[in-house]
Amino acid sequence: MKHFIVKKIGQWCSEVESLIKELEKIEGIDSVSKALMSFSFITCPSILVAYIGQVAFLRKFPEKVYNTFYESIPCGIYWPTFVMAVGAAIIASQAMISGAFSIISQALSLGCFP
């Protein structure tokens, strides 16, 4: 369990670093400061609360480790959460497809991909 938490924190830190580097490329200090404030006060606390809640659930019910996210949701908000999770998965898959297409097209234009 400890290894899992340390791994997640390491992934989160590397994602934050890449986000900040991307934001530095955007012109205008205003947009960077607004995005950093939004991340610092909305996104980061939300992610931490979600992970802390799942860890607390696992401490109480260690046998439910196979499906922690859906098992820890109260019955009243299960279906709205399920719909949001499916929507987030669809959006993430579209982002992966767009990213892969962009990388392959850049590699083709550079002559690095057959």
Protein backbone atom coordinates (compact mmCIF):
# COMPACT_ATOMS: atom_id res chain seq x y z
CA MET A 1 0.00 0.00 0.00
CA LYS A 2 2.83 2.37 0.89
CA HIS A 3 4.54 1.71 -2.45
CA PHE A 4 1.27 2.46 -4.29
CA ILE A 5 0.88 5.84 -2.54
CA VAL A 6 4.51 6.83 -3.16
CA LYS A 7 4.16 5.87 -6.84
CA LYS A 8 1.00 7.98 -7.20
CA ILE A 9 2.63 10.99 -5.54
CA GLY A 10 5.63 10.64 -7.88
CA GLN A 11 3.35 10.55 -10.93
CA TRP A 12 1.45 13.56 -9.66
CA CYS A 13 4.65 15.59 -9.13
CA SER A 14 5.90 14.85 -12.65
CA GLU A 15 2.50 15.84 -14.08
CA VAL A 16 2.61 19.13 -12.16
CA GLU A 17 6.10 19.86 -13.47
CA SER A 18 5.07 19.22 -17.06
CA LEU A 19 1.95 21.36 -16.58
CA ILE A 20 4.03 24.27 -15.31
CA LYS A 21 6.50 23.93 -18.22
CA GLU A 22 3.61 23.97 -20.70
CA LEU A 23 2.12 27.02 -19.02
CA GLU A 24 5.44 28.86 -19.24
CA LYS A 25 5.29 28.49 -23.03
CA ILE A 26 2.02 30.41 -23.17
CA GLU A 27 2.51 34.10 -23.78
CA GLY A 28 1.42 36.43 -21.00
CA ILE A 29 2.12 36.08 -17.32
CA ASP A 30 -1.56 36.58 -16.52
CA SER A 31 -2.68 33.27 -17.99
CA VAL A 32 0.11 31.39 -16.23
CA SER A 33 -0.69 32.88 -12.83
CA LYS A 34 -4.42 32.24 -13.26
CA ALA A 35 -3.84 28.63 -14.26
CA LEU A 36 -1.42 28.05 -11.38
CA MET A 37 -3.87 29.56 -8.89
CA SER A 38 -6.66 27.41 -10.31
CA PHE A 39 -4.49 24.32 -10.03
CA SER A 40 -3.29 25.20 -6.54
CA PHE A 41 -6.68 25.98 -5.03
CA ILE A 42 -9.13 23.78 -6.97
CA THR A 43 -7.51 20.89 -8.81
CA CYS A 44 -4.79 19.87 -6.35
CA PRO A 45 -7.02 19.88 -3.24
CA SER A 46 -9.71 17.94 -5.13
CA ILE A 47 -7.25 15.26 -6.19
CA LEU A 48 -5.79 15.03 -2.69
CA VAL A 49 -9.23 14.71 -1.08
CA ALA A 50 -10.18 11.98 -3.55
CA TYR A 51 -6.99 10.00 -2.88
CA ILE A 52 -7.25 10.49 0.89
CA GLY A 53 -10.86 9.29 0.81
CA GLN A 54 -9.89 6.16 -1.12
CA VAL A 55 -7.03 5.46 1.28
CA ALA A 56 -9.38 5.86 4.26
CA PHE A 57 -11.84 3.48 2.61
CA LEU A 58 -9.09 0.94 2.00
CA ARG A 59 -7.92 1.20 5.60
CA LYS A 60 -11.43 0.30 6.74
CA PHE A 61 -12.15 -2.31 4.03
CA PRO A 62 -8.80 -3.75 2.83
CA GLU A 63 -10.51 -6.64 1.02
CA LYS A 64 -12.14 -4.25 -1.48
CA VAL A 65 -8.88 -3.16 -3.08
CA TYR A 66 -9.85 -4.54 -6.51
CA ASN A 67 -12.56 -1.90 -7.10
CA THR A 68 -11.83 0.91 -4.65
CA PHE A 69 -13.21 3.83 -6.65
CA TYR A 70 -16.69 2.47 -7.26
CA GLU A 71 -16.97 0.64 -3.93
CA SER A 72 -16.22 3.84 -1.96
CA ILE A 73 -19.01 5.88 -3.59
CA PRO A 74 -22.22 6.23 -1.54
CA CYS A 75 -25.32 4.63 -3.09
CA GLY A 76 -27.12 7.95 -3.67
CA ILE A 77 -24.49 9.38 -5.99
CA TYR A 78 -23.26 6.19 -7.62
CA TRP A 79 -24.89 6.70 -11.04
CA PRO A 80 -23.99 10.40 -11.44
CA THR A 81 -20.41 9.53 -10.53
CA PHE A 82 -20.44 6.60 -12.93
CA VAL A 83 -21.66 8.85 -15.78
CA MET A 84 -18.97 11.46 -15.00
CA ALA A 85 -16.27 8.78 -14.87
CA VAL A 86 -17.34 7.37 -18.24
CA GLY A 87 -17.37 10.89 -19.71
CA ALA A 88 -13.89 11.56 -18.31
CA ALA A 89 -12.64 8.29 -19.82
CA ILE A 90 -14.07 9.24 -23.22
CA ILE A 91 -12.43 12.67 -23.09
CA ALA A 92 -9.12 11.13 -21.99
CA SER A 93 -9.21 8.61 -24.82
CA GLN A 94 -9.83 11.38 -27.34
CA ALA A 95 -6.86 13.28 -25.91
CA MET A 96 -4.68 10.17 -26.26
CA ILE A 97 -5.76 9.71 -29.88
CA SER A 98 -5.04 13.38 -30.66
CA GLY A 99 -1.65 13.19 -28.96
CA ALA A 100 -0.66 10.02 -30.78
CA PHE A 101 -1.73 11.50 -34.11
CA SER A 102 0.28 14.66 -33.41
CA ILE A 103 3.41 12.73 -32.48
CA ILE A 104 3.18 10.46 -35.53
CA SER A 105 2.56 13.37 -37.90
CA GLN A 106 5.55 15.26 -36.48
CA ALA A 107 7.71 12.15 -36.77
CA LEU A 108 6.58 11.71 -40.38
CA SER A 109 7.39 15.32 -41.23
CA LEU A 110 10.86 14.92 -39.70
CA GLY A 111 11.45 11.64 -41.54
CA CYS A 112 11.83 9.67 -38.30
CA PHE A 113 8.88 7.36 -38.92
CA PRO A 114 8.56 5.04 -41.91
